[in-house]
């Protein structure tokens, strides 16, 4: 049985929701501390991070790993996968959509097989599974 791996992050928030601010720390990797605030989340993106940006990073990373694993398991050699995720947040509704995109360089694969495996990876990705309550998760997959 695989050893469970715990990953940790933490956040500090000061003030009320609309005028307050906070910071997020990636504790396990010590990769950084990021500022966050409501304005970036609900009014204008940029400047500080948001929970949705962190979810997008996690989803893009996990999906790329899952897709690579699916391709390798099917006997293909993965040269490169460039994966992106856009998480849409609507104040008062929550996360309404996630749009995954991937462009791959994979030797000896047909476009149909690439698309089939890309969709299977979306279903099997642990972060996709964790986010299954999101009303819409799309995938745009392209073979380079």
C-alpha atoms as a PDB file:
ATOM      1  CA  UNK A   1       0.000   0.000   0.000  1.00  0.00           C
ATOM      2  CA  UNK A   2       1.390   3.444  -0.906  1.00  0.00           C
ATOM      3  CA  UNK A   3       2.433   5.734   1.910  1.00  0.00           C
ATOM      4  CA  UNK A   4      -0.032   8.615   2.352  1.00  0.00           C
ATOM      5  CA  UNK A   5       1.559  11.980   1.569  1.00  0.00           C
ATOM      6  CA  UNK A   6       0.214  15.085   3.266  1.00  0.00           C
ATOM      7  CA  UNK A   7       0.584  18.484   1.644  1.00  0.00           C
ATOM      8  CA  UNK A   8       0.004  21.603   3.688  1.00  0.00           C
ATOM      9  CA  UNK A   9      -0.768  25.238   3.075  1.00  0.00           C
ATOM     10  CA  UNK A  10      -1.950  27.897   5.473  1.00  0.00           C
ATOM     11  CA  UNK A  11      -3.532  31.312   5.318  1.00  0.00           C
ATOM     12  CA  UNK A  12      -3.882  34.372   7.503  1.00  0.00           C
ATOM     13  CA  UNK A  13      -6.770  36.828   7.022  1.00  0.00           C
ATOM     14  CA  UNK A  14      -7.031  40.255   8.661  1.00  0.00           C
ATOM     15  CA  UNK A  15     -10.146  42.403   8.653  1.00  0.00           C
ATOM     16  CA  UNK A  16     -13.552  41.940   7.108  1.00  0.00           C
ATOM     17  CA  UNK A  17     -14.173  40.205   3.786  1.00  0.00           C
ATOM     18  CA  UNK A  18     -14.399  43.289   1.576  1.00  0.00           C
ATOM     19  CA  UNK A  19     -11.654  45.511   3.026  1.00  0.00           C
ATOM     20  CA  UNK A  20      -9.451  42.883   4.624  1.00  0.00           C
ATOM     21  CA  UNK A  21      -6.486  41.095   3.160  1.00  0.00           C
ATOM     22  CA  UNK A  22      -4.538  37.959   3.683  1.00  0.00           C
ATOM     23  CA  UNK A  23      -1.642  35.828   2.710  1.00  0.00           C
ATOM     24  CA  UNK A  24      -1.333  32.200   1.687  1.00  0.00           C
ATOM     25  CA  UNK A  25       1.727  30.095   2.465  1.00  0.00           C
ATOM     26  CA  UNK A  26       2.785  26.901   0.713  1.00  0.00           C
ATOM     27  CA  UNK A  27       4.006  25.174   3.840  1.00  0.00           C
ATOM     28  CA  UNK A  28       5.103  21.770   2.582  1.00  0.00           C
ATOM     29  CA  UNK A  29       7.365  23.033  -0.172  1.00  0.00           C
ATOM     30  CA  UNK A  30       8.170  26.422   1.360  1.00  0.00           C
ATOM     31  CA  UNK A  31       7.837  27.653  -2.235  1.00  0.00           C
ATOM     32  CA  UNK A  32       6.330  30.964  -1.366  1.00  0.00           C
ATOM     33  CA  UNK A  33       3.941  33.288   0.357  1.00  0.00           C
ATOM     34  CA  UNK A  34       1.270  35.004  -1.710  1.00  0.00           C
ATOM     35  CA  UNK A  35      -0.946  37.977  -0.936  1.00  0.00           C
ATOM     36  CA  UNK A  36      -4.700  37.582  -1.376  1.00  0.00           C
ATOM     37  CA  UNK A  37      -7.830  39.696  -1.111  1.00  0.00           C
ATOM     38  CA  UNK A  38     -11.491  39.861  -2.034  1.00  0.00           C
ATOM     39  CA  UNK A  39     -11.032  42.507  -4.730  1.00  0.00           C
ATOM     40  CA  UNK A  40      -8.769  40.209  -6.783  1.00  0.00           C
ATOM     41  CA  UNK A  41     -11.247  37.381  -6.324  1.00  0.00           C
ATOM     42  CA  UNK A  42     -14.525  39.094  -7.133  1.00  0.00           C
ATOM     43  CA  UNK A  43     -13.884  42.431  -8.802  1.00  0.00           C
ATOM     44  CA  UNK A  44     -10.654  42.349 -10.816  1.00  0.00           C
ATOM     45  CA  UNK A  45      -8.097  39.639 -11.214  1.00  0.00           C
ATOM     46  CA  UNK A  46      -4.404  40.250 -10.878  1.00  0.00           C
ATOM     47  CA  UNK A  47      -2.159  41.763  -8.288  1.00  0.00           C
ATOM     48  CA  UNK A  48      -2.777  39.134  -5.639  1.00  0.00           C
ATOM     49  CA  UNK A  49      -3.655  35.473  -5.762  1.00  0.00           C
ATOM     50  CA  UNK A  50      -7.033  33.912  -5.114  1.00  0.00           C
ATOM     51  CA  UNK A  51      -8.236  30.507  -3.967  1.00  0.00           C
ATOM     52  CA  UNK A  52      -9.348  29.924  -7.550  1.00  0.00           C
ATOM     53  CA  UNK A  53      -5.882  30.630  -8.950  1.00  0.00           C
ATOM     54  CA  UNK A  54      -4.434  28.121  -6.501  1.00  0.00           C
ATOM     55  CA  UNK A  55      -7.085  25.581  -7.538  1.00  0.00           C
ATOM     56  CA  UNK A  56      -6.230  26.245 -11.200  1.00  0.00           C
ATOM     57  CA  UNK A  57      -2.546  25.605 -10.482  1.00  0.00           C
ATOM     58  CA  UNK A  58      -3.357  22.380  -8.653  1.00  0.00           C
ATOM     59  CA  UNK A  59      -5.717  21.188 -11.381  1.00  0.00           C
ATOM     60  CA  UNK A  60      -3.321  21.959 -14.254  1.00  0.00           C
ATOM     61  CA  UNK A  61      -0.485  20.190 -12.453  1.00  0.00           C
ATOM     62  CA  UNK A  62      -2.498  17.136 -11.487  1.00  0.00           C
ATOM     63  CA  UNK A  63      -4.110  16.798 -14.904  1.00  0.00           C
ATOM     64  CA  UNK A  64      -0.733  16.976 -16.656  1.00  0.00           C
ATOM     65  CA  UNK A  65       0.599  14.236 -14.377  1.00  0.00           C
ATOM     66  CA  UNK A  66      -2.498  12.055 -14.866  1.00  0.00           C
ATOM     67  CA  UNK A  67      -2.429  12.493 -18.647  1.00  0.00           C
ATOM     68  CA  UNK A  68       1.279  11.671 -18.801  1.00  0.00           C
ATOM     69  CA  UNK A  69       0.632   8.520 -16.785  1.00  0.00           C
ATOM     70  CA  UNK A  70      -2.288   7.466 -19.014  1.00  0.00           C
ATOM     71  CA  UNK A  71      -0.218   8.023 -22.161  1.00  0.00           C
ATOM     72  CA  UNK A  72       2.754   6.090 -20.772  1.00  0.00           C
ATOM     73  CA  UNK A  73       0.449   3.284 -19.664  1.00  0.00           C
ATOM     74  CA  UNK A  74      -0.865   3.053 -23.234  1.00  0.00           C
ATOM     75  CA  UNK A  75       2.702   2.676 -24.505  1.00  0.00           C
ATOM     76  CA  UNK A  76       3.349   6.205 -25.751  1.00  0.00           C
ATOM     77  CA  UNK A  77       6.391   8.368 -25.070  1.00  0.00           C
ATOM     78  CA  UNK A  78       5.500  11.815 -23.804  1.00  0.00           C
ATOM     79  CA  UNK A  79       7.858  14.511 -25.019  1.00  0.00           C
ATOM     80  CA  UNK A  80       5.938  17.432 -23.493  1.00  0.00           C
ATOM     81  CA  UNK A  81       2.498  18.366 -22.195  1.00  0.00           C
ATOM     82  CA  UNK A  82       1.605  22.037 -21.708  1.00  0.00           C
ATOM     83  CA  UNK A  83      -1.454  22.203 -19.486  1.00  0.00           C
ATOM     84  CA  UNK A  84      -3.529  25.150 -18.337  1.00  0.00           C
ATOM     85  CA  UNK A  85      -6.609  25.589 -16.191  1.00  0.00           C
ATOM     86  CA  UNK A  86      -8.943  28.554 -15.892  1.00  0.00           C
ATOM     87  CA  UNK A  87     -11.245  28.556 -12.867  1.00  0.00           C
ATOM     88  CA  UNK A  88     -14.292  30.819 -13.081  1.00  0.00           C
ATOM     89  CA  UNK A  89     -15.631  32.275  -9.828  1.00  0.00           C
ATOM     90  CA  UNK A  90     -18.888  34.213  -9.586  1.00  0.00           C
ATOM     91  CA  UNK A  91     -19.524  36.063  -6.315  1.00  0.00           C
ATOM     92  CA  UNK A  92     -22.620  34.643  -4.674  1.00  0.00           C
ATOM     93  CA  UNK A  93     -22.505  31.464  -6.770  1.00  0.00           C
ATOM     94  CA  UNK A  94     -19.007  30.089  -6.258  1.00  0.00           C
ATOM     95  CA  UNK A  95     -16.879  28.226  -8.767  1.00  0.00           C
ATOM     96  CA  UNK A  96     -19.008  27.786 -11.867  1.00  0.00           C
ATOM     97  CA  UNK A  97     -16.571  26.401 -14.428  1.00  0.00           C
ATOM     98  CA  UNK A  98     -13.109  25.004 -14.947  1.00  0.00           C
ATOM     99  CA  UNK A  99     -11.613  25.006 -18.432  1.00  0.00           C
ATOM    100  CA  UNK A 100      -8.650  22.678 -18.850  1.00  0.00           C
ATOM    101  CA  UNK A 101      -6.432  22.914 -21.901  1.00  0.00           C
ATOM    102  CA  UNK A 102      -3.526  20.768 -22.982  1.00  0.00           C
ATOM    103  CA  UNK A 103      -1.212  20.712 -25.957  1.00  0.00           C
ATOM    104  CA  UNK A 104       0.916  17.612 -26.256  1.00  0.00           C
ATOM    105  CA  UNK A 105       3.915  16.371 -28.093  1.00  0.00           C
ATOM    106  CA  UNK A 106       3.600  12.596 -28.037  1.00  0.00           C
ATOM    107  CA  UNK A 107       5.431  10.291 -30.405  1.00  0.00           C
ATOM    108  CA  UNK A 108       3.478   7.858 -32.599  1.00  0.00           C
ATOM    109  CA  UNK A 109      -0.034   8.722 -31.414  1.00  0.00           C
ATOM    110  CA  UNK A 110      -3.037   9.522 -33.608  1.00  0.00           C
ATOM    111  CA  UNK A 111      -5.161  12.550 -32.856  1.00  0.00           C
ATOM    112  CA  UNK A 112      -8.179  10.365 -32.033  1.00  0.00           C
ATOM    113  CA  UNK A 113      -6.169   8.281 -29.559  1.00  0.00           C
ATOM    114  CA  UNK A 114      -4.685  11.443 -28.025  1.00  0.00           C
ATOM    115  CA  UNK A 115      -8.174  12.897 -27.492  1.00  0.00           C
ATOM    116  CA  UNK A 116      -9.536   9.633 -26.073  1.00  0.00           C
ATOM    117  CA  UNK A 117      -6.709   9.345 -23.550  1.00  0.00           C
ATOM    118  CA  UNK A 118      -6.940  13.068 -22.722  1.00  0.00           C
ATOM    119  CA  UNK A 119     -10.593  12.644 -21.750  1.00  0.00           C
ATOM    120  CA  UNK A 120      -9.837   9.521 -19.701  1.00  0.00           C
ATOM    121  CA  UNK A 121      -7.145  11.444 -17.832  1.00  0.00           C
ATOM    122  CA  UNK A 122      -9.644  14.204 -17.029  1.00  0.00           C
ATOM    123  CA  UNK A 123     -11.975  11.651 -15.465  1.00  0.00           C
ATOM    124  CA  UNK A 124      -9.166   9.885 -13.595  1.00  0.00           C
ATOM    125  CA  UNK A 125      -7.312  12.966 -12.359  1.00  0.00           C
ATOM    126  CA  UNK A 126      -7.566  13.088  -8.537  1.00  0.00           C
ATOM    127  CA  UNK A 127      -8.089  16.865  -8.541  1.00  0.00           C
ATOM    128  CA  UNK A 128     -10.835  16.533 -11.193  1.00  0.00           C
ATOM    129  CA  UNK A 129     -12.479  13.979  -8.930  1.00  0.00           C
ATOM    130  CA  UNK A 130     -12.168  16.288  -5.914  1.00  0.00           C
ATOM    131  CA  UNK A 131     -13.757  19.101  -7.932  1.00  0.00           C
ATOM    132  CA  UNK A 132     -16.602  16.971  -9.308  1.00  0.00           C
ATOM    133  CA  UNK A 133     -19.213  19.306  -7.800  1.00  0.00           C
ATOM    134  CA  UNK A 134     -18.169  22.112 -10.174  1.00  0.00           C
ATOM    135  CA  UNK A 135     -21.064  22.438 -12.647  1.00  0.00           C
ATOM    136  CA  UNK A 136     -18.858  22.413 -15.747  1.00  0.00           C
ATOM    137  CA  UNK A 137     -15.346  21.098 -16.390  1.00  0.00           C
ATOM    138  CA  UNK A 138     -14.284  21.302 -20.024  1.00  0.00           C
ATOM    139  CA  UNK A 139     -11.209  20.044 -21.825  1.00  0.00           C
ATOM    140  CA  UNK A 140      -9.553  21.411 -24.957  1.00  0.00           C
ATOM    141  CA  UNK A 141      -6.855  18.937 -26.021  1.00  0.00           C
ATOM    142  CA  UNK A 142      -4.560  19.435 -29.004  1.00  0.00           C
ATOM    143  CA  UNK A 143      -1.798  17.319 -30.431  1.00  0.00           C
ATOM    144  CA  UNK A 144       1.127  19.506 -31.427  1.00  0.00           C
END
